[in-house]
């Protein structure tokens, strides 16, 4: 399967799952994409680490991070890139109007994340970091 098909299949599968902190949220959307494009087992490593938003924030701090940017910088062993460098399927960190960070996936000119309300698409302006995957 080519990159486009892998990204499409992974995104559809993850968005079809009911939202659940610690197993089917924006963080695990990103982990699933990493795993699909690299063969890693990122999702398995963090599955069940938290069950609430507050728990997710505690899990991040427990790993010595205050931001998803530094977390993925460490996890992926790469410096974050600018939003304009993101390619199809790359992981991005979005900062939304409420100040919260979300993990998203680059789909070219838009960036998709998973929220309790379902799929949300954003533009370049909300991307604060990008990480090449695969």
C-alpha atoms as a PDB file:
ATOM      1  CA  UNK A   1       0.000   0.000   0.000  1.00  0.00           C
ATOM      2  CA  UNK A   2       1.257   3.487  -0.768  1.00  0.00           C
ATOM      3  CA  UNK A   3       1.477   6.317   1.773  1.00  0.00           C
ATOM      4  CA  UNK A   4      -1.821   7.870   0.693  1.00  0.00           C
ATOM      5  CA  UNK A   5      -3.716   4.602   1.187  1.00  0.00           C
ATOM      6  CA  UNK A   6      -2.050   3.921   4.547  1.00  0.00           C
ATOM      7  CA  UNK A   7      -2.921   7.414   5.812  1.00  0.00           C
ATOM      8  CA  UNK A   8      -6.488   7.129   4.507  1.00  0.00           C
ATOM      9  CA  UNK A   9      -7.078   3.687   6.037  1.00  0.00           C
ATOM     10  CA  UNK A  10      -5.528   4.604   9.381  1.00  0.00           C
ATOM     11  CA  UNK A  11      -7.402   7.886   9.649  1.00  0.00           C
ATOM     12  CA  UNK A  12     -10.736   6.263   8.766  1.00  0.00           C
ATOM     13  CA  UNK A  13     -10.195   3.440  11.270  1.00  0.00           C
ATOM     14  CA  UNK A  14      -9.226   5.779  14.108  1.00  0.00           C
ATOM     15  CA  UNK A  15     -12.008   8.291  13.473  1.00  0.00           C
ATOM     16  CA  UNK A  16     -14.574   5.459  13.407  1.00  0.00           C
ATOM     17  CA  UNK A  17     -13.745   4.506  17.013  1.00  0.00           C
ATOM     18  CA  UNK A  18     -15.842   6.180  19.720  1.00  0.00           C
ATOM     19  CA  UNK A  19     -13.815   8.857  21.515  1.00  0.00           C
ATOM     20  CA  UNK A  20     -12.213   7.556  24.706  1.00  0.00           C
ATOM     21  CA  UNK A  21      -9.378   9.118  26.684  1.00  0.00           C
ATOM     22  CA  UNK A  22      -6.396   6.792  26.870  1.00  0.00           C
ATOM     23  CA  UNK A  23      -7.286   4.631  23.875  1.00  0.00           C
ATOM     24  CA  UNK A  24      -9.122   6.521  21.115  1.00  0.00           C
ATOM     25  CA  UNK A  25      -8.387  10.233  21.408  1.00  0.00           C
ATOM     26  CA  UNK A  26      -6.192  12.680  19.482  1.00  0.00           C
ATOM     27  CA  UNK A  27      -3.021  11.320  21.098  1.00  0.00           C
ATOM     28  CA  UNK A  28      -3.816   7.785  19.961  1.00  0.00           C
ATOM     29  CA  UNK A  29      -4.767   9.056  16.496  1.00  0.00           C
ATOM     30  CA  UNK A  30      -1.180  10.288  16.249  1.00  0.00           C
ATOM     31  CA  UNK A  31       0.242   7.076  17.702  1.00  0.00           C
ATOM     32  CA  UNK A  32      -1.762   4.975  15.239  1.00  0.00           C
ATOM     33  CA  UNK A  33      -0.387   7.002  12.328  1.00  0.00           C
ATOM     34  CA  UNK A  34       3.178   6.621  13.610  1.00  0.00           C
ATOM     35  CA  UNK A  35       2.652   2.870  13.913  1.00  0.00           C
ATOM     36  CA  UNK A  36       1.044   2.539  10.475  1.00  0.00           C
ATOM     37  CA  UNK A  37       3.772   4.471   8.675  1.00  0.00           C
ATOM     38  CA  UNK A  38       6.790   3.140  10.583  1.00  0.00           C
ATOM     39  CA  UNK A  39       5.865  -0.255  11.986  1.00  0.00           C
ATOM     40  CA  UNK A  40       6.518   0.965  15.549  1.00  0.00           C
ATOM     41  CA  UNK A  41       4.303   0.020  18.495  1.00  0.00           C
ATOM     42  CA  UNK A  42       3.786   3.486  19.927  1.00  0.00           C
ATOM     43  CA  UNK A  43       0.086   3.067  20.729  1.00  0.00           C
ATOM     44  CA  UNK A  44       0.721  -0.180  22.585  1.00  0.00           C
ATOM     45  CA  UNK A  45       3.368   1.522  24.723  1.00  0.00           C
ATOM     46  CA  UNK A  46       0.962   4.203  26.001  1.00  0.00           C
ATOM     47  CA  UNK A  47      -2.402   2.399  25.928  1.00  0.00           C
ATOM     48  CA  UNK A  48      -4.239   2.862  29.220  1.00  0.00           C
ATOM     49  CA  UNK A  49      -1.819   5.487  30.580  1.00  0.00           C
ATOM     50  CA  UNK A  50      -4.790   7.732  31.407  1.00  0.00           C
ATOM     51  CA  UNK A  51      -8.592   7.748  31.367  1.00  0.00           C
ATOM     52  CA  UNK A  52      -9.436  11.466  31.601  1.00  0.00           C
ATOM     53  CA  UNK A  53      -8.138  14.780  30.276  1.00  0.00           C
ATOM     54  CA  UNK A  54      -6.623  15.527  33.688  1.00  0.00           C
ATOM     55  CA  UNK A  55      -5.048  12.065  33.633  1.00  0.00           C
ATOM     56  CA  UNK A  56      -3.574  12.772  30.197  1.00  0.00           C
ATOM     57  CA  UNK A  57      -1.987  15.952  31.523  1.00  0.00           C
ATOM     58  CA  UNK A  58      -0.594  14.073  34.546  1.00  0.00           C
ATOM     59  CA  UNK A  59       0.808  11.340  32.275  1.00  0.00           C
ATOM     60  CA  UNK A  60       2.555  14.018  30.203  1.00  0.00           C
ATOM     61  CA  UNK A  61       4.065  15.672  33.295  1.00  0.00           C
ATOM     62  CA  UNK A  62       5.078  12.271  34.707  1.00  0.00           C
ATOM     63  CA  UNK A  63       7.218  11.864  31.583  1.00  0.00           C
ATOM     64  CA  UNK A  64       8.795  15.289  32.280  1.00  0.00           C
ATOM     65  CA  UNK A  65       6.925  17.189  29.554  1.00  0.00           C
ATOM     66  CA  UNK A  66       4.692  20.245  29.721  1.00  0.00           C
ATOM     67  CA  UNK A  67       3.818  20.154  26.035  1.00  0.00           C
ATOM     68  CA  UNK A  68       2.958  17.601  23.384  1.00  0.00           C
ATOM     69  CA  UNK A  69       5.655  19.260  21.265  1.00  0.00           C
ATOM     70  CA  UNK A  70       8.475  18.254  23.606  1.00  0.00           C
ATOM     71  CA  UNK A  71       6.892  14.846  24.191  1.00  0.00           C
ATOM     72  CA  UNK A  72       6.896  13.971  20.478  1.00  0.00           C
ATOM     73  CA  UNK A  73      10.294  15.597  19.982  1.00  0.00           C
ATOM     74  CA  UNK A  74      11.616  13.032  22.481  1.00  0.00           C
ATOM     75  CA  UNK A  75       9.452  10.113  21.314  1.00  0.00           C
ATOM     76  CA  UNK A  76      10.291  10.583  17.632  1.00  0.00           C
ATOM     77  CA  UNK A  77      13.885  11.687  18.244  1.00  0.00           C
ATOM     78  CA  UNK A  78      13.601  14.688  15.942  1.00  0.00           C
ATOM     79  CA  UNK A  79      13.332  18.429  16.247  1.00  0.00           C
ATOM     80  CA  UNK A  80       9.911  19.873  15.477  1.00  0.00           C
ATOM     81  CA  UNK A  81       9.487  21.434  12.055  1.00  0.00           C
ATOM     82  CA  UNK A  82       7.439  24.391  10.948  1.00  0.00           C
ATOM     83  CA  UNK A  83       3.853  23.890   9.887  1.00  0.00           C
ATOM     84  CA  UNK A  84       4.662  24.519   6.226  1.00  0.00           C
ATOM     85  CA  UNK A  85       7.057  21.549   6.197  1.00  0.00           C
ATOM     86  CA  UNK A  86       4.364  19.008   7.105  1.00  0.00           C
ATOM     87  CA  UNK A  87       3.687  16.302   4.527  1.00  0.00           C
ATOM     88  CA  UNK A  88       0.710  14.001   4.057  1.00  0.00           C
ATOM     89  CA  UNK A  89       0.420  11.779   7.128  1.00  0.00           C
ATOM     90  CA  UNK A  90       2.852  13.733   9.277  1.00  0.00           C
ATOM     91  CA  UNK A  91       2.009  14.332  12.915  1.00  0.00           C
ATOM     92  CA  UNK A  92       1.288  17.916  13.938  1.00  0.00           C
ATOM     93  CA  UNK A  93       0.546  19.649  17.205  1.00  0.00           C
ATOM     94  CA  UNK A  94      -2.338  22.100  17.016  1.00  0.00           C
ATOM     95  CA  UNK A  95      -3.024  24.909  19.483  1.00  0.00           C
ATOM     96  CA  UNK A  96      -6.719  25.670  19.411  1.00  0.00           C
ATOM     97  CA  UNK A  97      -8.569  28.840  20.393  1.00  0.00           C
ATOM     98  CA  UNK A  98      -8.981  27.651  23.999  1.00  0.00           C
ATOM     99  CA  UNK A  99      -5.191  27.263  24.301  1.00  0.00           C
ATOM    100  CA  UNK A 100      -5.306  23.466  24.414  1.00  0.00           C
ATOM    101  CA  UNK A 101      -2.844  21.385  22.403  1.00  0.00           C
ATOM    102  CA  UNK A 102      -4.130  18.570  20.207  1.00  0.00           C
ATOM    103  CA  UNK A 103      -2.352  15.958  18.129  1.00  0.00           C
ATOM    104  CA  UNK A 104      -3.349  16.115  14.480  1.00  0.00           C
ATOM    105  CA  UNK A 105      -2.489  14.613  11.126  1.00  0.00           C
ATOM    106  CA  UNK A 106      -1.493  16.553   8.011  1.00  0.00           C
ATOM    107  CA  UNK A 107      -3.761  16.010   5.022  1.00  0.00           C
ATOM    108  CA  UNK A 108      -2.011  18.481   2.757  1.00  0.00           C
ATOM    109  CA  UNK A 109      -3.651  21.873   3.167  1.00  0.00           C
ATOM    110  CA  UNK A 110      -5.643  20.956   6.257  1.00  0.00           C
ATOM    111  CA  UNK A 111      -4.936  19.226   9.536  1.00  0.00           C
ATOM    112  CA  UNK A 112      -7.346  16.814  11.195  1.00  0.00           C
ATOM    113  CA  UNK A 113      -7.691  15.920  14.867  1.00  0.00           C
ATOM    114  CA  UNK A 114     -10.095  13.824  16.904  1.00  0.00           C
ATOM    115  CA  UNK A 115     -12.171  15.469  19.639  1.00  0.00           C
ATOM    116  CA  UNK A 116     -15.054  14.328  21.847  1.00  0.00           C
ATOM    117  CA  UNK A 117     -17.282  16.008  19.226  1.00  0.00           C
ATOM    118  CA  UNK A 118     -15.709  14.011  16.383  1.00  0.00           C
ATOM    119  CA  UNK A 119     -13.383  14.983  13.560  1.00  0.00           C
ATOM    120  CA  UNK A 120     -12.218  18.585  13.431  1.00  0.00           C
ATOM    121  CA  UNK A 121     -10.247  20.139  10.573  1.00  0.00           C
ATOM    122  CA  UNK A 122      -7.926  23.119  10.994  1.00  0.00           C
ATOM    123  CA  UNK A 123      -5.674  25.295   8.874  1.00  0.00           C
ATOM    124  CA  UNK A 124      -2.000  26.124   8.955  1.00  0.00           C
ATOM    125  CA  UNK A 125      -2.511  28.878  11.535  1.00  0.00           C
ATOM    126  CA  UNK A 126      -3.286  26.433  14.349  1.00  0.00           C
ATOM    127  CA  UNK A 127      -0.216  24.233  13.773  1.00  0.00           C
ATOM    128  CA  UNK A 128       2.579  24.945  16.263  1.00  0.00           C
ATOM    129  CA  UNK A 129       4.857  22.020  15.325  1.00  0.00           C
ATOM    130  CA  UNK A 130       5.154  19.264  12.746  1.00  0.00           C
ATOM    131  CA  UNK A 131       7.001  15.949  12.821  1.00  0.00           C
ATOM    132  CA  UNK A 132       7.857  13.857   9.773  1.00  0.00           C
ATOM    133  CA  UNK A 133       6.566  10.302  10.035  1.00  0.00           C
ATOM    134  CA  UNK A 134       7.959   7.500   7.897  1.00  0.00           C
END
